[in-house]
Amino acid sequence: MSFKKTDEALARLSPEQFRVTQRNGTERPYTGEYDDHFAPGIYVDIVSGEPLFASSAKFNSGCGWPAFSKPIVTGNVNELHDSAHGMIRTEVRSAHGDSHLGHVFNDGPREMGGLRYCINSASLRFVPRDDMVAAGYGDYLDQADAG
């Protein structure tokens, strides 16, 4: 499976998805589709389709955005220094689609590794566990349990 940003994929984005992924936007807290979503499956980049996060690593952080303890494939997530808005943070972007996903913080649950990947729902597409094999994500079934 090839993961990349295409003009066709960008054309399918809603205005909010485009603003978040391509213009480094942030959705309003508690408004995203996946903030309170805990079904088994994986979350992929809305632009490239690359696997990013699994339901087994998702937790309720109360921050208003979906939170994950780790990426599915470390190489699919780039972490970049972000000093915008008067803060020092670590931005998270998809490696192949170069989509802005959110930020990572070191205040996650210790028992899950201590990280909190705070991710915009608008940058994600959820693939339910039952659809993963047909959609080409069968290699990640072992990570697709409810968090």
C-alpha atoms as a PDB file:
ATOM      1  CA  MET A   1       0.000   0.000   0.000  1.00  0.00           C
ATOM      2  CA  SER A   2       1.402   3.395  -0.988  1.00  0.00           C
ATOM      3  CA  PHE A   3       0.811   6.368   1.278  1.00  0.00           C
ATOM      4  CA  LYS A   4       1.176   9.859  -0.159  1.00  0.00           C
ATOM      5  CA  LYS A   5      -0.513  13.223  -0.506  1.00  0.00           C
ATOM      6  CA  THR A   6      -2.354  13.596  -3.822  1.00  0.00           C
ATOM      7  CA  ASP A   7      -4.369  16.395  -5.397  1.00  0.00           C
ATOM      8  CA  GLU A   8      -7.367  14.045  -5.435  1.00  0.00           C
ATOM      9  CA  ALA A   9      -7.082  13.400  -1.690  1.00  0.00           C
ATOM     10  CA  LEU A  10      -6.810  17.118  -0.961  1.00  0.00           C
ATOM     11  CA  ALA A  11      -9.868  17.830  -3.125  1.00  0.00           C
ATOM     12  CA  ARG A  12     -11.946  15.389  -1.000  1.00  0.00           C
ATOM     13  CA  LEU A  13     -11.205  17.221   2.263  1.00  0.00           C
ATOM     14  CA  SER A  14     -13.868  19.282   3.974  1.00  0.00           C
ATOM     15  CA  PRO A  15     -12.938  22.928   4.585  1.00  0.00           C
ATOM     16  CA  GLU A  16     -12.212  22.082   8.255  1.00  0.00           C
ATOM     17  CA  GLN A  17     -10.056  19.063   7.341  1.00  0.00           C
ATOM     18  CA  PHE A  18      -8.106  21.216   4.878  1.00  0.00           C
ATOM     19  CA  ARG A  19      -7.646  24.028   7.429  1.00  0.00           C
ATOM     20  CA  VAL A  20      -6.348  21.631  10.080  1.00  0.00           C
ATOM     21  CA  THR A  21      -4.118  19.388   7.944  1.00  0.00           C
ATOM     22  CA  GLN A  22      -2.792  21.872   5.383  1.00  0.00           C
ATOM     23  CA  ARG A  23      -2.883  25.183   7.283  1.00  0.00           C
ATOM     24  CA  ASN A  24      -1.772  23.895  10.735  1.00  0.00           C
ATOM     25  CA  GLY A  25      -5.183  24.596  12.228  1.00  0.00           C
ATOM     26  CA  THR A  26      -6.710  23.326  15.442  1.00  0.00           C
ATOM     27  CA  GLU A  27     -10.315  22.295  15.840  1.00  0.00           C
ATOM     28  CA  ARG A  28     -12.208  23.642  18.823  1.00  0.00           C
ATOM     29  CA  PRO A  29     -11.931  21.371  21.895  1.00  0.00           C
ATOM     30  CA  TYR A  30     -14.702  18.804  22.422  1.00  0.00           C
ATOM     31  CA  THR A  31     -16.029  19.288  18.870  1.00  0.00           C
ATOM     32  CA  GLY A  32     -14.077  16.590  17.007  1.00  0.00           C
ATOM     33  CA  GLU A  33     -15.687  13.402  15.800  1.00  0.00           C
ATOM     34  CA  TYR A  34     -13.191  11.131  17.596  1.00  0.00           C
ATOM     35  CA  ASP A  35     -12.755  12.871  20.963  1.00  0.00           C
ATOM     36  CA  ASP A  36     -15.171  10.492  22.714  1.00  0.00           C
ATOM     37  CA  HIS A  37     -14.786   7.573  20.281  1.00  0.00           C
ATOM     38  CA  PHE A  38     -13.421   4.291  21.650  1.00  0.00           C
ATOM     39  CA  ALA A  39     -14.415   1.591  19.144  1.00  0.00           C
ATOM     40  CA  PRO A  40     -11.777  -0.982  18.141  1.00  0.00           C
ATOM     41  CA  GLY A  41      -9.847  -0.068  15.006  1.00  0.00           C
ATOM     42  CA  ILE A  42      -7.142   2.255  13.759  1.00  0.00           C
ATOM     43  CA  TYR A  43      -6.896   5.925  12.856  1.00  0.00           C
ATOM     44  CA  VAL A  44      -5.218   6.820   9.569  1.00  0.00           C
ATOM     45  CA  ASP A  45      -4.159  10.106   7.977  1.00  0.00           C
ATOM     46  CA  ILE A  46      -7.215  11.665   6.267  1.00  0.00           C
ATOM     47  CA  VAL A  47      -4.934  12.719   3.375  1.00  0.00           C
ATOM     48  CA  SER A  48      -2.507   9.841   2.769  1.00  0.00           C
ATOM     49  CA  GLY A  49      -4.179   6.886   4.500  1.00  0.00           C
ATOM     50  CA  GLU A  50      -1.012   5.999   6.384  1.00  0.00           C
ATOM     51  CA  PRO A  51      -1.717   4.251   9.711  1.00  0.00           C
ATOM     52  CA  LEU A  52      -1.131   6.625  12.612  1.00  0.00           C
ATOM     53  CA  PHE A  53      -2.783   5.534  15.872  1.00  0.00           C
ATOM     54  CA  ALA A  54      -4.599   2.465  17.212  1.00  0.00           C
ATOM     55  CA  SER A  55      -7.576   2.150  19.517  1.00  0.00           C
ATOM     56  CA  SER A  56      -5.403   0.126  21.922  1.00  0.00           C
ATOM     57  CA  ALA A  57      -3.294   3.271  22.536  1.00  0.00           C
ATOM     58  CA  LYS A  58      -6.257   5.674  22.852  1.00  0.00           C
ATOM     59  CA  PHE A  59      -7.247   7.081  26.225  1.00  0.00           C
ATOM     60  CA  ASN A  60      -9.594   9.706  27.612  1.00  0.00           C
ATOM     61  CA  SER A  61      -7.347  12.597  28.617  1.00  0.00           C
ATOM     62  CA  GLY A  62     -10.143  15.107  29.137  1.00  0.00           C
ATOM     63  CA  CYS A  63      -8.251  17.635  26.991  1.00  0.00           C
ATOM     64  CA  GLY A  64     -10.984  17.944  24.340  1.00  0.00           C
ATOM     65  CA  TRP A  65      -9.149  16.154  21.535  1.00  0.00           C
ATOM     66  CA  PRO A  66      -8.439  12.478  20.845  1.00  0.00           C
ATOM     67  CA  ALA A  67      -5.416  11.351  22.871  1.00  0.00           C
ATOM     68  CA  PHE A  68      -3.071   8.451  22.151  1.00  0.00           C
ATOM     69  CA  SER A  69      -0.053   7.115  24.053  1.00  0.00           C
ATOM     70  CA  LYS A  70       1.980   6.185  20.951  1.00  0.00           C
ATOM     71  CA  PRO A  71       1.799   5.942  17.153  1.00  0.00           C
ATOM     72  CA  ILE A  72       1.181   2.621  15.400  1.00  0.00           C
ATOM     73  CA  VAL A  73       4.351   3.020  13.328  1.00  0.00           C
ATOM     74  CA  THR A  74       6.857   5.483  14.740  1.00  0.00           C
ATOM     75  CA  GLY A  75       8.163   6.246  11.243  1.00  0.00           C
ATOM     76  CA  ASN A  76       4.727   7.489  10.115  1.00  0.00           C
ATOM     77  CA  VAL A  77       4.756  10.356  12.632  1.00  0.00           C
ATOM     78  CA  ASN A  78       7.225  13.238  12.519  1.00  0.00           C
ATOM     79  CA  GLU A  79       7.782  15.396  15.588  1.00  0.00           C
ATOM     80  CA  LEU A  80       8.855  19.002  14.967  1.00  0.00           C
ATOM     81  CA  HIS A  81       9.776  21.934  17.225  1.00  0.00           C
ATOM     82  CA  ASP A  82       6.890  24.436  17.368  1.00  0.00           C
ATOM     83  CA  SER A  83       7.338  27.857  18.978  1.00  0.00           C
ATOM     84  CA  ALA A  84       4.184  29.459  17.542  1.00  0.00           C
ATOM     85  CA  HIS A  85       1.675  31.222  19.779  1.00  0.00           C
ATOM     86  CA  GLY A  86       4.313  32.023  22.419  1.00  0.00           C
ATOM     87  CA  MET A  87       4.663  28.378  23.505  1.00  0.00           C
ATOM     88  CA  ILE A  88       7.333  25.738  23.054  1.00  0.00           C
ATOM     89  CA  ARG A  89       5.634  22.550  21.875  1.00  0.00           C
ATOM     90  CA  THR A  90       6.281  19.516  19.717  1.00  0.00           C
ATOM     91  CA  GLU A  91       4.127  19.443  16.601  1.00  0.00           C
ATOM     92  CA  VAL A  92       3.083  16.060  15.182  1.00  0.00           C
ATOM     93  CA  ARG A  93       2.800  15.616  11.397  1.00  0.00           C
ATOM     94  CA  SER A  94       2.203  12.549   9.254  1.00  0.00           C
ATOM     95  CA  ALA A  95       5.395  11.452   7.522  1.00  0.00           C
ATOM     96  CA  HIS A  96       3.974  10.632   4.087  1.00  0.00           C
ATOM     97  CA  GLY A  97       1.037  13.020   3.844  1.00  0.00           C
ATOM     98  CA  ASP A  98       2.755  15.875   5.723  1.00  0.00           C
ATOM     99  CA  SER A  99      -0.570  16.582   7.433  1.00  0.00           C
ATOM    100  CA  HIS A 100      -0.637  18.622  10.627  1.00  0.00           C
ATOM    101  CA  LEU A 101      -2.061  16.228  13.236  1.00  0.00           C
ATOM    102  CA  GLY A 102      -1.643  18.014  16.558  1.00  0.00           C
ATOM    103  CA  HIS A 103       0.986  18.028  19.320  1.00  0.00           C
ATOM    104  CA  VAL A 104       2.635  15.587  21.710  1.00  0.00           C
ATOM    105  CA  PHE A 105       3.069  16.275  25.422  1.00  0.00           C
ATOM    106  CA  ASN A 106       4.816  14.379  28.229  1.00  0.00           C
ATOM    107  CA  ASP A 107       1.805  14.351  30.572  1.00  0.00           C
ATOM    108  CA  GLY A 108       0.198  11.093  29.441  1.00  0.00           C
ATOM    109  CA  PRO A 109      -0.506   8.081  31.666  1.00  0.00           C
ATOM    110  CA  ARG A 110       2.739   6.697  33.091  1.00  0.00           C
ATOM    111  CA  GLU A 111       1.525   3.128  32.693  1.00  0.00           C
ATOM    112  CA  MET A 112       1.140   3.789  28.938  1.00  0.00           C
ATOM    113  CA  GLY A 113       4.593   5.372  28.503  1.00  0.00           C
ATOM    114  CA  GLY A 114       3.928   8.931  29.691  1.00  0.00           C
ATOM    115  CA  LEU A 115       3.147  10.583  26.348  1.00  0.00           C
ATOM    116  CA  ARG A 116      -0.080  12.227  25.178  1.00  0.00           C
ATOM    117  CA  TYR A 117      -0.447  12.633  21.442  1.00  0.00           C
ATOM    118  CA  CYS A 118      -3.192  15.267  21.309  1.00  0.00           C
ATOM    119  CA  ILE A 119      -4.615  14.887  17.784  1.00  0.00           C
ATOM    120  CA  ASN A 120      -7.252  16.762  15.777  1.00  0.00           C
ATOM    121  CA  SER A 121     -10.143  14.537  14.689  1.00  0.00           C
ATOM    122  CA  ALA A 122     -10.200  16.464  11.400  1.00  0.00           C
ATOM    123  CA  SER A 123      -6.806  14.988  10.485  1.00  0.00           C
ATOM    124  CA  LEU A 124      -7.962  11.403  11.002  1.00  0.00           C
ATOM    125  CA  ARG A 125     -10.105   8.746   9.353  1.00  0.00           C
ATOM    126  CA  PHE A 126     -11.196   5.814  11.505  1.00  0.00           C
ATOM    127  CA  VAL A 127     -11.034   2.279  10.082  1.00  0.00           C
ATOM    128  CA  PRO A 128     -13.155  -0.110  12.192  1.00  0.00           C
ATOM    129  CA  ARG A 129     -11.498  -3.385  13.195  1.00  0.00           C
ATOM    130  CA  ASP A 130     -13.969  -5.415  11.103  1.00  0.00           C
ATOM    131  CA  ASP A 131     -13.024  -3.445   7.957  1.00  0.00           C
ATOM    132  CA  MET A 132      -9.259  -3.371   8.416  1.00  0.00           C
ATOM    133  CA  VAL A 133      -8.335  -6.447   6.367  1.00  0.00           C
ATOM    134  CA  ALA A 134     -10.491  -5.424   3.394  1.00  0.00           C
ATOM    135  CA  ALA A 135      -9.086  -1.881   3.583  1.00  0.00           C
ATOM    136  CA  GLY A 136      -5.481  -3.165   3.509  1.00  0.00           C
ATOM    137  CA  TYR A 137      -4.650  -2.650   7.196  1.00  0.00           C
ATOM    138  CA  GLY A 138      -4.668  -6.296   8.314  1.00  0.00           C
ATOM    139  CA  ASP A 139      -1.075  -6.054   9.594  1.00  0.00           C
ATOM    140  CA  TYR A 140      -2.335  -3.847  12.434  1.00  0.00           C
ATOM    141  CA  LEU A 141      -5.199  -6.032  13.728  1.00  0.00           C
ATOM    142  CA  ASP A 142      -3.260  -6.842  16.907  1.00  0.00           C
ATOM    143  CA  GLN A 143      -3.363  -3.135  17.864  1.00  0.00           C
ATOM    144  CA  ALA A 144      -7.030  -2.589  17.058  1.00  0.00           C
ATOM    145  CA  ASP A 145      -8.589  -3.435  20.388  1.00  0.00           C
ATOM    146  CA  ALA A 146     -10.548  -0.914  22.408  1.00  0.00           C
ATOM    147  CA  GLY A 147      -8.313   1.340  24.506  1.00  0.00           C
END
